Amino acid sequence: AMNRVQLLGRVGQDPIMRQVEGKNPVTIFSLATNEMWRTGESELNQGGEIWHPTLLFLCNLGDISQKTTWHRISVFRPGLRDVTYQYVKKGARIFVEGKIDYGEYTDKNNVRRQATTIIA
């Protein structure tokens, strides 16, 4: 089995470092990725394929749609955690590789929530 993800996107906010008592610190930031695709009645698009952004502007077949997805990134490894905190800034375009972690937590209103995090 393999749990691996690669993302290329823009940082949504300057990273923050958190430390819970008795645990190692973690650097956390958000990363936005964008998908672009062409919609319309063209036979070429009936499968709903995702088109490369550069190709979208070379073809005039249908409308262009875009979706932004936000990812929560957590960095635990000491060297990488510190470099991320010090040098990564809002708006920077970066590549992140890590694993997906699905977890649950209880919010301040005592409601159980699910959270998906990329552990880099």
C-alpha atoms as a PDB file:
ATOM      1  CA  ALA A   1       0.000   0.000   0.000  1.00  0.00           C
ATOM      2  CA  MET A   2       1.096   3.553  -0.645  1.00  0.00           C
ATOM      3  CA  ASN A   3      -0.092   6.894   0.753  1.00  0.00           C
ATOM      4  CA  ARG A   4       1.625   9.666  -1.175  1.00  0.00           C
ATOM      5  CA  VAL A   5       0.517  13.015  -2.583  1.00  0.00           C
ATOM      6  CA  GLN A   6       2.289  15.689  -4.632  1.00  0.00           C
ATOM      7  CA  LEU A   7       0.928  19.225  -4.832  1.00  0.00           C
ATOM      8  CA  LEU A   8       2.043  22.341  -6.677  1.00  0.00           C
ATOM      9  CA  GLY A   9       0.304  25.500  -5.598  1.00  0.00           C
ATOM     10  CA  ARG A  10       0.412  28.844  -3.843  1.00  0.00           C
ATOM     11  CA  VAL A  11       0.749  29.384  -0.100  1.00  0.00           C
ATOM     12  CA  GLY A  12      -2.406  30.910   1.390  1.00  0.00           C
ATOM     13  CA  GLN A  13      -0.953  32.421   4.552  1.00  0.00           C
ATOM     14  CA  ASP A  14       2.426  32.735   6.249  1.00  0.00           C
ATOM     15  CA  PRO A  15       3.185  29.479   8.086  1.00  0.00           C
ATOM     16  CA  ILE A  16       2.620  29.322  11.829  1.00  0.00           C
ATOM     17  CA  MET A  17       4.404  27.089  14.306  1.00  0.00           C
ATOM     18  CA  ARG A  18       2.409  25.390  17.039  1.00  0.00           C
ATOM     19  CA  GLN A  19       3.471  23.274  19.944  1.00  0.00           C
ATOM     20  CA  VAL A  20       1.207  21.266  22.185  1.00  0.00           C
ATOM     21  CA  GLU A  21       2.597  20.541  25.634  1.00  0.00           C
ATOM     22  CA  GLY A  22       4.626  17.347  25.618  1.00  0.00           C
ATOM     23  CA  LYS A  23       4.712  17.091  21.798  1.00  0.00           C
ATOM     24  CA  ASN A  24       7.081  18.233  19.073  1.00  0.00           C
ATOM     25  CA  PRO A  25       6.310  21.535  17.325  1.00  0.00           C
ATOM     26  CA  VAL A  26       4.630  21.562  13.908  1.00  0.00           C
ATOM     27  CA  THR A  27       4.605  24.179  11.155  1.00  0.00           C
ATOM     28  CA  ILE A  28       1.195  24.620   9.509  1.00  0.00           C
ATOM     29  CA  PHE A  29       0.102  26.493   6.390  1.00  0.00           C
ATOM     30  CA  SER A  30      -2.518  26.302   3.660  1.00  0.00           C
ATOM     31  CA  LEU A  31      -1.833  25.630  -0.006  1.00  0.00           C
ATOM     32  CA  ALA A  32      -4.169  26.414  -2.923  1.00  0.00           C
ATOM     33  CA  THR A  33      -4.193  24.244  -6.043  1.00  0.00           C
ATOM     34  CA  ASN A  34      -6.171  25.066  -9.175  1.00  0.00           C
ATOM     35  CA  GLU A  35      -7.830  22.827 -11.744  1.00  0.00           C
ATOM     36  CA  MET A  36      -8.921  24.229 -15.089  1.00  0.00           C
ATOM     37  CA  TRP A  37     -11.113  22.505 -17.638  1.00  0.00           C
ATOM     38  CA  ARG A  38     -13.129  23.267 -20.683  1.00  0.00           C
ATOM     39  CA  THR A  39     -16.888  22.879 -20.709  1.00  0.00           C
ATOM     40  CA  GLY A  40     -19.253  22.874 -23.637  1.00  0.00           C
ATOM     41  CA  GLU A  41     -20.784  20.606 -26.224  1.00  0.00           C
ATOM     42  CA  SER A  42     -17.608  19.605 -28.006  1.00  0.00           C
ATOM     43  CA  GLU A  43     -17.155  15.868 -28.609  1.00  0.00           C
ATOM     44  CA  LEU A  44     -13.597  16.247 -27.325  1.00  0.00           C
ATOM     45  CA  ASN A  45     -14.844  17.122 -23.832  1.00  0.00           C
ATOM     46  CA  GLN A  46     -17.609  14.547 -23.315  1.00  0.00           C
ATOM     47  CA  GLY A  47     -15.505  12.619 -20.803  1.00  0.00           C
ATOM     48  CA  GLY A  48     -14.934  15.689 -18.619  1.00  0.00           C
ATOM     49  CA  GLU A  49     -11.157  15.583 -19.070  1.00  0.00           C
ATOM     50  CA  ILE A  50      -8.900  18.013 -17.268  1.00  0.00           C
ATOM     51  CA  TRP A  51      -6.929  20.078 -19.784  1.00  0.00           C
ATOM     52  CA  HIS A  52      -3.483  21.506 -19.293  1.00  0.00           C
ATOM     53  CA  PRO A  53      -3.833  25.278 -18.558  1.00  0.00           C
ATOM     54  CA  THR A  54      -1.570  26.240 -21.474  1.00  0.00           C
ATOM     55  CA  LEU A  55      -3.695  24.272 -23.923  1.00  0.00           C
ATOM     56  CA  LEU A  56      -6.860  25.960 -22.691  1.00  0.00           C
ATOM     57  CA  PHE A  57      -5.854  29.231 -24.266  1.00  0.00           C
ATOM     58  CA  LEU A  58      -4.895  27.612 -27.582  1.00  0.00           C
ATOM     59  CA  CYS A  59      -8.351  26.075 -28.087  1.00  0.00           C
ATOM     60  CA  ASN A  60     -11.549  28.025 -28.394  1.00  0.00           C
ATOM     61  CA  LEU A  61     -13.962  25.135 -27.839  1.00  0.00           C
ATOM     62  CA  GLY A  62     -16.285  25.783 -24.912  1.00  0.00           C
ATOM     63  CA  ASP A  63     -16.025  27.815 -21.745  1.00  0.00           C
ATOM     64  CA  ILE A  64     -13.143  27.559 -19.293  1.00  0.00           C
ATOM     65  CA  SER A  65     -13.939  26.669 -15.704  1.00  0.00           C
ATOM     66  CA  GLN A  66     -11.639  26.730 -12.704  1.00  0.00           C
ATOM     67  CA  LYS A  67     -11.783  25.184  -9.247  1.00  0.00           C
ATOM     68  CA  THR A  68      -9.496  26.115  -6.344  1.00  0.00           C
ATOM     69  CA  THR A  69      -8.903  23.508  -3.637  1.00  0.00           C
ATOM     70  CA  TRP A  70      -7.342  24.438  -0.282  1.00  0.00           C
ATOM     71  CA  HIS A  71      -5.057  21.952   1.473  1.00  0.00           C
ATOM     72  CA  ARG A  72      -3.850  22.039   5.079  1.00  0.00           C
ATOM     73  CA  ILE A  73      -0.125  21.244   5.224  1.00  0.00           C
ATOM     74  CA  SER A  74       1.641  20.138   8.430  1.00  0.00           C
ATOM     75  CA  VAL A  75       5.431  19.811   8.657  1.00  0.00           C
ATOM     76  CA  PHE A  76       6.801  17.848  11.626  1.00  0.00           C
ATOM     77  CA  ARG A  77      10.396  17.000  10.578  1.00  0.00           C
ATOM     78  CA  PRO A  78      12.699  19.329  12.568  1.00  0.00           C
ATOM     79  CA  GLY A  79      14.919  20.677   9.752  1.00  0.00           C
ATOM     80  CA  LEU A  80      12.153  21.018   7.198  1.00  0.00           C
ATOM     81  CA  ARG A  81       9.725  22.386   9.790  1.00  0.00           C
ATOM     82  CA  ASP A  82      12.088  25.220  10.720  1.00  0.00           C
ATOM     83  CA  VAL A  83      13.059  26.100   7.125  1.00  0.00           C
ATOM     84  CA  THR A  84       9.369  26.146   6.135  1.00  0.00           C
ATOM     85  CA  TYR A  85       8.498  28.451   9.023  1.00  0.00           C
ATOM     86  CA  GLN A  86      11.375  30.821   8.272  1.00  0.00           C
ATOM     87  CA  TYR A  87      11.340  31.051   4.461  1.00  0.00           C
ATOM     88  CA  VAL A  88       7.904  30.097   3.066  1.00  0.00           C
ATOM     89  CA  LYS A  89       5.648  33.136   2.686  1.00  0.00           C
ATOM     90  CA  LYS A  90       2.094  33.858   1.578  1.00  0.00           C
ATOM     91  CA  GLY A  91       1.770  33.802  -2.213  1.00  0.00           C
ATOM     92  CA  ALA A  92       4.888  31.694  -2.813  1.00  0.00           C
ATOM     93  CA  ARG A  93       4.505  28.929  -5.388  1.00  0.00           C
ATOM     94  CA  ILE A  94       5.823  25.712  -3.875  1.00  0.00           C
ATOM     95  CA  PHE A  95       5.871  21.953  -4.425  1.00  0.00           C
ATOM     96  CA  VAL A  96       4.789  19.776  -1.490  1.00  0.00           C
ATOM     97  CA  GLU A  97       5.173  16.018  -1.209  1.00  0.00           C
ATOM     98  CA  GLY A  98       3.765  14.033   1.681  1.00  0.00           C
ATOM     99  CA  LYS A  99       1.026  11.703   2.850  1.00  0.00           C
ATOM    100  CA  ILE A 100      -2.678  12.230   3.434  1.00  0.00           C
ATOM    101  CA  ASP A 101      -3.901  12.002   7.011  1.00  0.00           C
ATOM    102  CA  TYR A 102      -7.601  11.811   7.875  1.00  0.00           C
ATOM    103  CA  GLY A 103      -8.488  12.738  11.432  1.00  0.00           C
ATOM    104  CA  GLU A 104     -11.302  13.855  13.676  1.00  0.00           C
ATOM    105  CA  TYR A 105     -11.536  16.563  16.295  1.00  0.00           C
ATOM    106  CA  THR A 106     -14.194  18.173  18.459  1.00  0.00           C
ATOM    107  CA  ASP A 107     -14.728  21.882  17.863  1.00  0.00           C
ATOM    108  CA  LYS A 108     -15.462  24.539  20.467  1.00  0.00           C
ATOM    109  CA  ASN A 109     -19.209  23.845  20.122  1.00  0.00           C
ATOM    110  CA  ASN A 110     -18.611  20.178  20.976  1.00  0.00           C
ATOM    111  CA  VAL A 111     -19.321  19.076  17.380  1.00  0.00           C
ATOM    112  CA  ARG A 112     -17.237  16.268  15.898  1.00  0.00           C
ATOM    113  CA  ARG A 113     -15.478  17.374  12.703  1.00  0.00           C
ATOM    114  CA  GLN A 114     -13.323  15.610  10.147  1.00  0.00           C
ATOM    115  CA  ALA A 115     -10.054  17.073   8.939  1.00  0.00           C
ATOM    116  CA  THR A 116      -7.795  16.122   6.046  1.00  0.00           C
ATOM    117  CA  THR A 117      -4.142  17.121   6.372  1.00  0.00           C
ATOM    118  CA  ILE A 118      -1.102  16.640   4.165  1.00  0.00           C
ATOM    119  CA  ILE A 119       1.863  15.566   6.313  1.00  0.00           C
ATOM    120  CA  ALA A 120       4.949  16.894   4.494  1.00  0.00           C
END
